[in-house]
Amino acid sequence: MQHDTPRLHLVSALDFWESYLKAEGSSEGSIRQRLILLRALERRAGKPLAEITRLDLITDLGRTGLSASTRANYKSLYHTFFTWMQDEGLRPDNPGARLPRVRLAAVEANPTSTDDIQVLLNSGIYARTRMFVLIYAYQGFRAQEIAAVRGETIDWQNRRILSKDGKGGKEVWRPIHEIVWEELQKYPRRGFLFPSPYREGQHVTARNVSNVLGKAMRRAGIAHRPHQMRAWYATEMIDGGASTVVVAAAMRHADMQSIQHYVRVSDESIAAAHDLLPRVVVPSKSGRRRAA
């Protein structure tokens, strides 16, 4: 089989794939995460990607401590990447083909409660962490979207916020909930809201957002994961009477794309759904002393 792409030196395969993903329009966060996972696979297997076998991938997927959803995500990544390598002529076979099917048990939604969110806000968390909570719970943002918020992605005139680095690289404007809007007035209108203390000119990572919130929730005795505040966001709006179409649009889900081909959900509808969310009281200070 002939390939138009010249055979590259194997060490540049990931660089080539990174360029391919950028050309495809994948978000920076998604590309970065995929590269991290593939480099970790190389380390665990003890060999370069060009020499990885099907047995290596099956062994990797069978590691203890992985949840079913994580295994499924890894399997999907391995299939995609090694199919690409084969298509580009970087290796003759595809070890990612015909990997074992991962059984995913049906899991019922388990949202945090309004009381949980209030307890978390009152638990002495710092202002930055409080803002993480509010954007998670009242905008339904994912961790990577929260990390990427900057003054320039907020429409300060029309009270809207741009979701960047969203799932699938989707970028959309959505109304800002009143509680979030009030807290945003304390933040600068230019630059990242959550700049990284370690990487100059960059924002904190999604992992940092999740880790900070996860630790705060455990300290507060809340038996939930940060992402389950997104489930609260959807559940409370549905329970309050918002339509599933409006909630899907508010959460930027692709699951209802067939409906969205025919129905355009207005900002006013999403803003009205926001008004259905129960209100919490945001403390003005953490009550904690900073270390000297």
Protein backbone atom coordinates (compact mmCIF):
# COMPACT_ATOMS: atom_id res chain seq x y z
CA MET A 1 0.00 0.00 0.00
CA GLN A 2 1.43 3.37 -1.05
CA HIS A 3 1.42 6.38 1.28
CA ASP A 4 1.90 9.98 0.20
CA THR A 5 3.46 10.84 3.55
CA PRO A 6 7.24 10.31 3.65
CA ARG A 7 8.42 7.93 6.34
CA LEU A 8 9.44 9.98 9.36
CA HIS A 9 12.08 9.20 11.91
CA LEU A 10 10.29 7.39 14.70
CA VAL A 11 11.26 9.85 17.42
CA SER A 12 9.20 12.52 15.66
CA ALA A 13 5.98 10.50 15.54
CA LEU A 14 4.41 12.32 18.49
CA ASP A 15 5.47 15.70 17.10
CA PHE A 16 3.86 14.78 13.78
CA TRP A 17 0.68 13.61 15.54
CA GLU A 18 0.56 16.81 17.58
CA SER A 19 0.66 18.84 14.35
CA TYR A 20 -2.01 16.58 12.85
CA LEU A 21 -4.32 17.14 15.84
CA LYS A 22 -3.79 20.90 15.66
CA ALA A 23 -4.66 20.86 11.97
CA GLU A 24 -7.75 18.84 12.86
CA GLY A 25 -8.82 21.56 15.31
CA SER A 26 -8.37 19.69 18.59
CA SER A 27 -8.06 21.89 21.67
CA GLU A 28 -4.64 22.51 23.24
CA GLY A 29 -5.78 20.88 26.47
CA SER A 30 -6.95 17.74 24.68
CA ILE A 31 -3.71 17.47 22.67
CA ARG A 32 -1.56 17.98 25.76
CA GLN A 33 -3.44 15.28 27.69
CA ARG A 34 -3.16 12.74 24.85
CA LEU A 35 0.58 13.30 24.53
CA ILE A 36 1.04 12.87 28.29
CA LEU A 37 -0.85 9.55 28.21
CA LEU A 38 1.12 8.20 25.24
CA ARG A 39 4.48 9.13 26.77
CA ALA A 40 3.36 7.42 29.99
CA LEU A 41 2.51 4.31 27.94
CA GLU A 42 6.06 4.30 26.53
CA ARG A 43 7.52 4.51 30.04
CA ARG A 44 5.36 1.69 31.38
CA ALA A 45 6.05 -0.57 28.39
CA GLY A 46 9.75 0.29 28.38
CA LYS A 47 9.84 0.64 24.60
CA PRO A 48 9.05 3.25 21.93
CA LEU A 49 5.57 3.53 20.47
CA ALA A 50 6.77 2.05 17.17
CA GLU A 51 7.57 -1.21 19.00
CA ILE A 52 4.49 -1.45 21.21
CA THR A 53 2.63 -4.73 20.68
CA ARG A 54 -1.00 -5.72 21.11
CA LEU A 55 0.02 -7.66 24.22
CA ASP A 56 1.63 -4.50 25.64
CA LEU A 57 -1.64 -2.61 25.17
CA ILE A 58 -3.77 -5.38 26.67
CA THR A 59 -1.40 -5.61 29.64
CA ASP A 60 -1.57 -1.84 30.09
CA LEU A 61 -5.37 -1.81 29.99
CA GLY A 62 -5.44 -4.63 32.54
CA ARG A 63 -3.53 -2.71 35.19
CA THR A 64 -5.13 -2.71 38.63
CA GLY A 65 -6.58 0.51 39.96
CA LEU A 66 -8.12 1.71 36.69
CA SER A 67 -11.82 2.45 36.58
CA ALA A 68 -13.88 1.05 33.69
CA SER A 69 -14.33 4.52 32.22
CA THR A 70 -10.57 5.16 32.35
CA ARG A 71 -9.88 1.84 30.60
CA ALA A 72 -12.42 2.76 27.92
CA ASN A 73 -10.77 6.16 27.40
CA TYR A 74 -7.30 4.59 27.16
CA LYS A 75 -8.57 1.96 24.71
CA SER A 76 -10.09 4.67 22.51
CA LEU A 77 -6.85 6.68 22.56
CA TYR A 78 -4.70 3.65 21.70
CA HIS A 79 -6.98 2.65 18.85
CA THR A 80 -7.01 6.19 17.44
CA PHE A 81 -3.27 6.76 17.72
CA PHE A 82 -2.06 3.43 16.35
CA THR A 83 -4.60 3.55 13.52
CA TRP A 84 -3.14 6.95 12.63
CA MET A 85 0.42 5.58 12.79
CA GLN A 86 -0.51 2.78 10.40
CA ASP A 87 -2.35 5.15 8.04
CA GLU A 88 0.70 7.42 7.90
CA GLY A 89 3.06 4.53 7.18
CA LEU A 90 4.88 4.91 10.49
CA ARG A 91 4.34 1.22 11.29
CA PRO A 92 2.96 -1.67 9.22
CA ASP A 93 0.52 -3.03 11.80
CA ASN A 94 -2.06 -1.67 14.24
CA PRO A 95 -1.75 -3.08 17.78
CA GLY A 96 -4.69 -0.88 18.83
CA ALA A 97 -7.13 -2.83 16.65
CA ARG A 98 -9.41 -5.46 18.23
CA LEU A 99 -8.54 -4.65 21.82
CA PRO A 100 -10.82 -6.26 24.45
CA ARG A 101 -14.20 -4.65 24.92
CA VAL A 102 -14.37 -2.71 28.18
CA ARG A 103 -17.52 -3.38 30.16
CA LEU A 104 -19.03 -0.18 31.47
CA ALA A 105 -21.60 -0.63 34.20
CA ALA A 106 -24.55 1.73 34.00
CA VAL A 107 -24.01 4.35 36.69
CA GLU A 108 -26.79 6.52 37.99
CA ALA A 109 -26.10 10.23 38.31
CA ASN A 110 -24.94 11.16 41.78
CA PRO A 111 -25.02 14.95 42.04
CA THR A 112 -23.85 16.90 45.04
CA SER A 113 -26.62 18.51 47.06
CA THR A 114 -27.22 22.22 47.57
CA ASP A 115 -26.31 21.68 51.24
CA ASP A 116 -22.99 20.10 50.15
CA ILE A 117 -22.13 23.16 48.10
CA GLN A 118 -23.02 25.51 50.93
CA VAL A 119 -20.95 23.48 53.39
CA LEU A 120 -18.01 23.58 50.97
CA LEU A 121 -18.25 27.36 50.55
CA ASN A 122 -18.38 27.80 54.33
CA SER A 123 -15.49 25.41 55.01
CA GLY A 124 -12.77 28.08 54.94
CA ILE A 125 -11.66 27.63 51.33
CA TYR A 126 -9.76 30.49 49.73
CA ALA A 127 -11.27 32.94 47.25
CA ARG A 128 -9.80 31.15 44.21
CA THR A 129 -11.24 27.82 45.35
CA ARG A 130 -14.62 29.45 46.00
CA MET A 131 -14.59 30.68 42.41
CA PHE A 132 -13.76 27.17 41.20
CA VAL A 133 -16.84 25.94 43.07
CA LEU A 134 -19.13 28.65 41.71
CA ILE A 135 -18.10 28.20 38.07
CA TYR A 136 -18.42 24.43 38.39
CA ALA A 137 -21.82 24.58 40.09
CA TYR A 138 -23.45 27.63 38.51
CA GLN A 139 -21.99 27.55 35.00
CA GLY A 140 -21.63 23.78 34.66
CA PHE A 141 -18.05 24.18 33.43
CA ARG A 142 -15.60 21.30 33.36
CA ALA A 143 -12.22 21.56 35.12
CA GLN A 144 -10.33 22.35 31.92
CA GLU A 145 -12.83 25.08 31.04
CA ILE A 146 -12.53 26.64 34.49
CA ALA A 147 -8.73 26.65 34.29
CA ALA A 148 -8.78 28.52 30.97
CA VAL A 149 -11.13 31.38 31.98
CA ARG A 150 -9.61 34.82 31.43
CA GLY A 151 -10.88 38.38 31.49
CA GLU A 152 -11.00 38.44 27.70
CA THR A 153 -13.34 35.42 27.62
CA ILE A 154 -15.95 37.31 29.60
CA ASP A 155 -18.39 39.64 27.88
CA TRP A 156 -18.49 42.34 30.56
CA GLN A 157 -21.24 44.27 28.79
CA ASN A 158 -23.69 41.45 28.11
CA ARG A 159 -22.87 39.21 31.12
CA ARG A 160 -21.72 36.20 29.13
CA ILE A 161 -18.78 33.83 29.39
CA LEU A 162 -16.92 31.94 26.67
CA SER A 163 -16.28 28.26 27.25
CA LYS A 164 -12.74 27.57 25.99
CA ASP A 165 -10.87 24.27 25.98
CA GLY A 166 -14.21 22.51 26.20
CA LYS A 167 -14.81 18.88 25.30
CA GLY A 168 -14.23 18.32 21.60
CA GLY A 169 -12.68 21.77 21.30
CA LYS A 170 -16.13 23.37 21.36
CA GLU A 171 -16.16 27.10 22.15
CA VAL A 172 -19.49 28.73 22.92
CA TRP A 173 -20.80 31.80 24.75
CA ARG A 174 -23.24 31.27 27.62
CA PRO A 175 -25.01 33.60 30.09
CA ILE A 176 -23.33 34.10 33.48
CA HIS A 177 -25.30 33.24 36.60
CA GLU A 178 -25.93 36.17 38.93
CA ILE A 179 -23.90 34.67 41.80
CA VAL A 180 -20.89 34.08 39.53
CA TRP A 181 -21.29 37.54 38.02
CA GLU A 182 -21.12 39.22 41.44
CA GLU A 183 -17.92 37.37 42.33
CA LEU A 184 -16.36 38.12 38.93
CA GLN A 185 -16.37 41.83 39.74
CA LYS A 186 -13.44 41.13 42.08
CA TYR A 187 -11.28 39.80 39.23
CA PRO A 188 -9.20 41.62 36.58
CA ARG A 189 -10.65 42.09 33.12
CA ARG A 190 -7.48 41.03 31.36
CA GLY A 191 -5.37 37.93 31.70
CA PHE A 192 -6.11 34.54 33.22
CA LEU A 193 -8.37 34.49 36.26
CA PHE A 194 -6.31 31.58 37.57
CA PRO A 195 -2.70 32.06 36.42
CA SER A 196 -0.25 29.27 37.09
CA PRO A 197 2.27 30.05 39.86
CA TYR A 198 4.78 27.77 38.13
CA ARG A 199 4.33 28.33 34.37
CA GLU A 200 4.75 31.95 33.41
CA GLY A 201 2.07 33.25 31.07
CA GLN A 202 -0.09 30.14 31.41
CA HIS A 203 -3.16 29.19 33.43
CA VAL A 204 -3.44 26.51 36.10
CA THR A 205 -4.05 23.01 34.81
CA ALA A 206 -7.35 21.15 34.88
CA ARG A 207 -5.70 18.68 37.23
CA ASN A 208 -4.91 21.51 39.63
CA VAL A 209 -8.55 22.62 39.63
CA SER A 210 -9.73 19.04 40.28
CA ASN A 211 -7.11 18.34 42.95
CA VAL A 212 -7.75 21.56 44.86
CA LEU A 213 -11.50 20.99 44.83
CA GLY A 214 -11.20 17.29 45.63
CA LYS A 215 -9.07 17.98 48.69
CA ALA A 216 -11.41 20.76 49.81
CA MET A 217 -14.42 18.46 49.49
CA ARG A 218 -12.72 15.72 51.50
CA ARG A 219 -11.74 18.19 54.24
CA ALA A 220 -15.36 19.35 54.37
CA GLY A 221 -16.60 15.76 54.69
CA ILE A 222 -18.36 15.78 51.31
CA ALA A 223 -18.39 12.33 49.70
CA HIS A 224 -18.48 13.53 46.11
CA ARG A 225 -16.10 14.35 43.29
CA PRO A 226 -15.84 17.91 41.90
CA HIS A 227 -17.36 16.86 38.57
CA GLN A 228 -20.56 15.93 40.37
CA MET A 229 -21.26 19.63 40.82
CA ARG A 230 -21.96 19.62 37.09
CA ALA A 231 -24.57 16.95 37.77
CA TRP A 232 -26.08 19.26 40.42
CA TYR A 233 -26.23 22.06 37.85
CA ALA A 234 -28.20 19.91 35.39
CA THR A 235 -30.37 18.14 37.95
CA GLU A 236 -31.51 21.29 39.73
CA MET A 237 -32.43 23.02 36.46
CA ILE A 238 -34.39 19.97 35.27
CA ASP A 239 -36.12 19.66 38.67
CA GLY A 240 -36.91 23.38 38.50
CA GLY A 241 -38.76 22.91 35.23
CA ALA A 242 -36.14 23.73 32.55
CA SER A 243 -36.43 21.64 29.38
CA THR A 244 -33.82 19.01 28.58
CA VAL A 245 -33.02 20.91 25.38
CA VAL A 246 -32.17 24.05 27.34
CA VAL A 247 -30.13 22.14 29.93
CA ALA A 248 -28.19 20.25 27.22
CA ALA A 249 -27.37 23.57 25.57
CA ALA A 250 -26.37 25.13 28.90
CA MET A 251 -23.99 22.22 29.54
CA ARG A 252 -22.64 22.31 25.96
CA HIS A 253 -23.46 18.64 25.44
CA ALA A 254 -23.26 17.07 22.02
CA ASP A 255 -25.73 14.30 22.99
CA MET A 256 -28.74 16.25 21.69
CA GLN A 257 -27.21 17.45 18.45
CA SER A 258 -30.12 16.07 16.42
CA ILE A 259 -32.50 18.34 18.34
CA GLN A 260 -30.15 21.29 18.09
CA HIS A 261 -30.25 21.03 14.32
CA TYR A 262 -33.85 22.21 14.54
CA VAL A 263 -34.01 24.18 17.79
CA ARG A 264 -31.88 27.17 18.66
CA VAL A 265 -31.79 27.74 22.42
CA SER A 266 -31.67 31.42 23.29
CA ASP A 267 -29.47 33.00 25.94
CA GLU A 268 -32.68 34.19 27.59
CA SER A 269 -33.85 30.56 28.02
CA ILE A 270 -30.56 29.52 29.61
CA ALA A 271 -30.57 32.62 31.84
CA ALA A 272 -34.13 31.75 32.93
CA ALA A 273 -32.97 28.20 33.72
CA HIS A 274 -30.15 29.68 35.81
CA ASP A 275 -32.78 31.45 37.90
CA LEU A 276 -34.20 28.03 38.83
CA LEU A 277 -30.98 27.02 40.61
CA PRO A 278 -31.11 27.18 44.42
CA ARG A 279 -29.04 30.00 45.85
CA VAL A 280 -26.12 29.66 48.25
CA VAL A 281 -24.46 32.29 50.40
CA VAL A 282 -20.90 33.12 49.38
CA PRO A 283 -18.68 34.06 52.35
CA SER A 284 -16.62 37.20 51.87
CA LYS A 285 -13.52 35.68 53.48
CA SER A 286 -12.12 32.22 54.04
CA GLY A 287 -11.62 32.63 57.76
CA ARG A 288 -8.28 30.86 57.43
CA ARG A 289 -4.90 32.32 58.18
CA ARG A 290 -2.34 32.19 55.40
CA ALA A 291 1.03 30.72 56.24
CA ALA A 292 3.72 33.34 56.72
